[in-house]
Amino acid sequence: VCFCESPRFDVDLFARVFYPDAARFRVGVLDTAGNEICTFGAYGNPDSAGPASRIPQPDIPLFWPYMIEADDDMVYVGDRLNRRIVVVKLTHAVEAVCAIP
């Protein structure tokens, strides 16, 4: 009997690839050249469920991410061992605007 499961990744409208990295309790994001743009998520058990939970840290708790769905501004992560879907809103940490002559 094999208890293996194949991870499921997704590609958004900007061609970024979102993939589960279960061994590190996170989700990785690649650009079209295969460069890692960023990662998000950290180890979190069932008690870690966000700011209003018993254990409010980490901000994005994952135990075994295995399936990803991405759209324009949200990423949905299937967390197998926590038995939940974690929803992550995509935002920018910094925005700079400049005039083009």
Protein backbone atom coordinates (compact mmCIF):
# COMPACT_ATOMS: atom_id res chain seq x y z
CA VAL A 1 0.00 0.00 0.00
CA CYS A 2 1.32 3.42 -0.94
CA PHE A 3 0.28 6.41 1.12
CA CYS A 4 1.98 8.80 -1.28
CA GLU A 5 0.14 11.80 -2.55
CA SER A 6 1.28 14.04 -5.34
CA PRO A 7 1.37 17.74 -4.56
CA ARG A 8 -0.74 20.04 -6.72
CA PHE A 9 0.56 23.39 -7.88
CA ASP A 10 -1.15 26.26 -9.70
CA VAL A 11 -0.22 29.09 -12.07
CA ASP A 12 -1.82 32.52 -11.76
CA LEU A 13 -2.60 35.09 -14.49
CA PHE A 14 0.93 36.53 -14.19
CA ALA A 15 2.39 33.05 -14.91
CA ARG A 16 3.75 32.74 -11.36
CA VAL A 17 3.88 29.15 -10.14
CA PHE A 18 2.65 28.49 -6.60
CA TYR A 19 3.83 25.12 -5.25
CA PRO A 20 3.53 23.38 -1.87
CA ASP A 21 6.76 22.77 0.05
CA ALA A 22 5.42 20.37 2.69
CA ALA A 23 8.82 19.47 4.16
CA ARG A 24 9.35 23.12 5.12
CA PHE A 25 5.70 23.92 5.99
CA ARG A 26 5.43 26.63 3.34
CA VAL A 27 4.40 27.59 -0.19
CA GLY A 28 6.94 28.70 -2.78
CA VAL A 29 6.40 31.10 -5.66
CA LEU A 30 8.41 30.96 -8.90
CA ASP A 31 8.58 33.38 -11.82
CA THR A 32 8.50 32.30 -15.47
CA ALA A 33 12.27 31.71 -15.48
CA GLY A 34 12.09 29.37 -12.48
CA ASN A 35 13.49 31.91 -10.01
CA GLU A 36 12.06 31.83 -6.51
CA ILE A 37 10.17 35.09 -5.93
CA CYS A 38 9.16 34.40 -2.35
CA THR A 39 7.81 31.85 0.10
CA PHE A 40 5.08 32.13 2.69
CA GLY A 41 3.89 30.01 5.58
CA ALA A 42 5.53 28.45 8.61
CA TYR A 43 4.96 25.47 10.90
CA GLY A 44 1.63 25.65 12.63
CA ASN A 45 -0.33 22.89 14.36
CA PRO A 46 -4.17 22.77 14.62
CA ASP A 47 -4.11 25.25 17.54
CA SER A 48 -2.35 27.83 15.34
CA ALA A 49 -5.20 29.28 13.31
CA GLY A 50 -4.48 32.97 13.01
CA PRO A 51 -4.71 36.07 15.22
CA ALA A 52 -7.89 35.08 17.09
CA SER A 53 -6.78 31.51 17.87
CA ARG A 54 -5.22 29.95 20.97
CA ILE A 55 -1.79 30.27 19.40
CA PRO A 56 -1.79 33.37 17.15
CA GLN A 57 1.65 32.77 15.64
CA PRO A 58 2.72 32.21 12.89
CA ASP A 59 0.67 34.50 10.68
CA ILE A 60 0.24 31.80 8.02
CA PRO A 61 0.25 28.43 9.82
CA LEU A 62 0.76 25.32 7.68
CA PHE A 63 1.37 21.72 8.72
CA TRP A 64 1.25 19.77 5.44
CA PRO A 65 0.44 21.98 2.43
CA TYR A 66 -0.37 19.75 -0.51
CA MET A 67 -2.72 21.57 -2.88
CA ILE A 68 -2.64 25.15 -4.15
CA GLU A 69 -5.19 27.24 -6.06
CA ALA A 70 -4.31 30.82 -7.02
CA ASP A 71 -6.33 33.65 -8.54
CA ASP A 72 -5.69 37.39 -9.02
CA ASP A 73 -5.39 38.34 -5.36
CA MET A 74 -5.85 35.20 -3.23
CA VAL A 75 -4.10 31.86 -2.79
CA TYR A 76 -5.94 28.88 -1.31
CA VAL A 77 -3.75 26.26 0.36
CA GLY A 78 -5.05 22.80 1.22
CA ASP A 79 -3.41 21.83 4.52
CA ARG A 80 -3.78 18.04 4.84
CA LEU A 81 -2.71 17.48 8.47
CA ASN A 82 -4.46 20.57 9.86
CA ARG A 83 -7.58 19.59 7.89
CA ARG A 84 -8.29 23.08 6.64
CA ILE A 85 -7.99 25.47 3.73
CA VAL A 86 -5.74 28.44 4.45
CA VAL A 87 -6.59 31.57 2.47
CA VAL A 88 -3.74 34.02 1.83
CA LYS A 89 -4.35 37.48 0.39
CA LEU A 90 -1.65 38.64 -2.01
CA THR A 91 -0.53 42.21 -1.26
CA HIS A 92 2.57 44.32 -1.75
CA ALA A 93 4.85 45.23 1.13
CA VAL A 94 6.10 48.36 -0.64
CA GLU A 95 4.85 50.34 -3.60
CA ALA A 96 6.80 53.05 -5.40
CA VAL A 97 5.37 55.36 -8.05
CA CYS A 98 7.47 57.58 -10.28
CA ALA A 99 6.77 59.82 -13.25
CA ILE A 100 8.03 58.75 -16.66
CA PRO A 101 9.18 61.73 -18.74
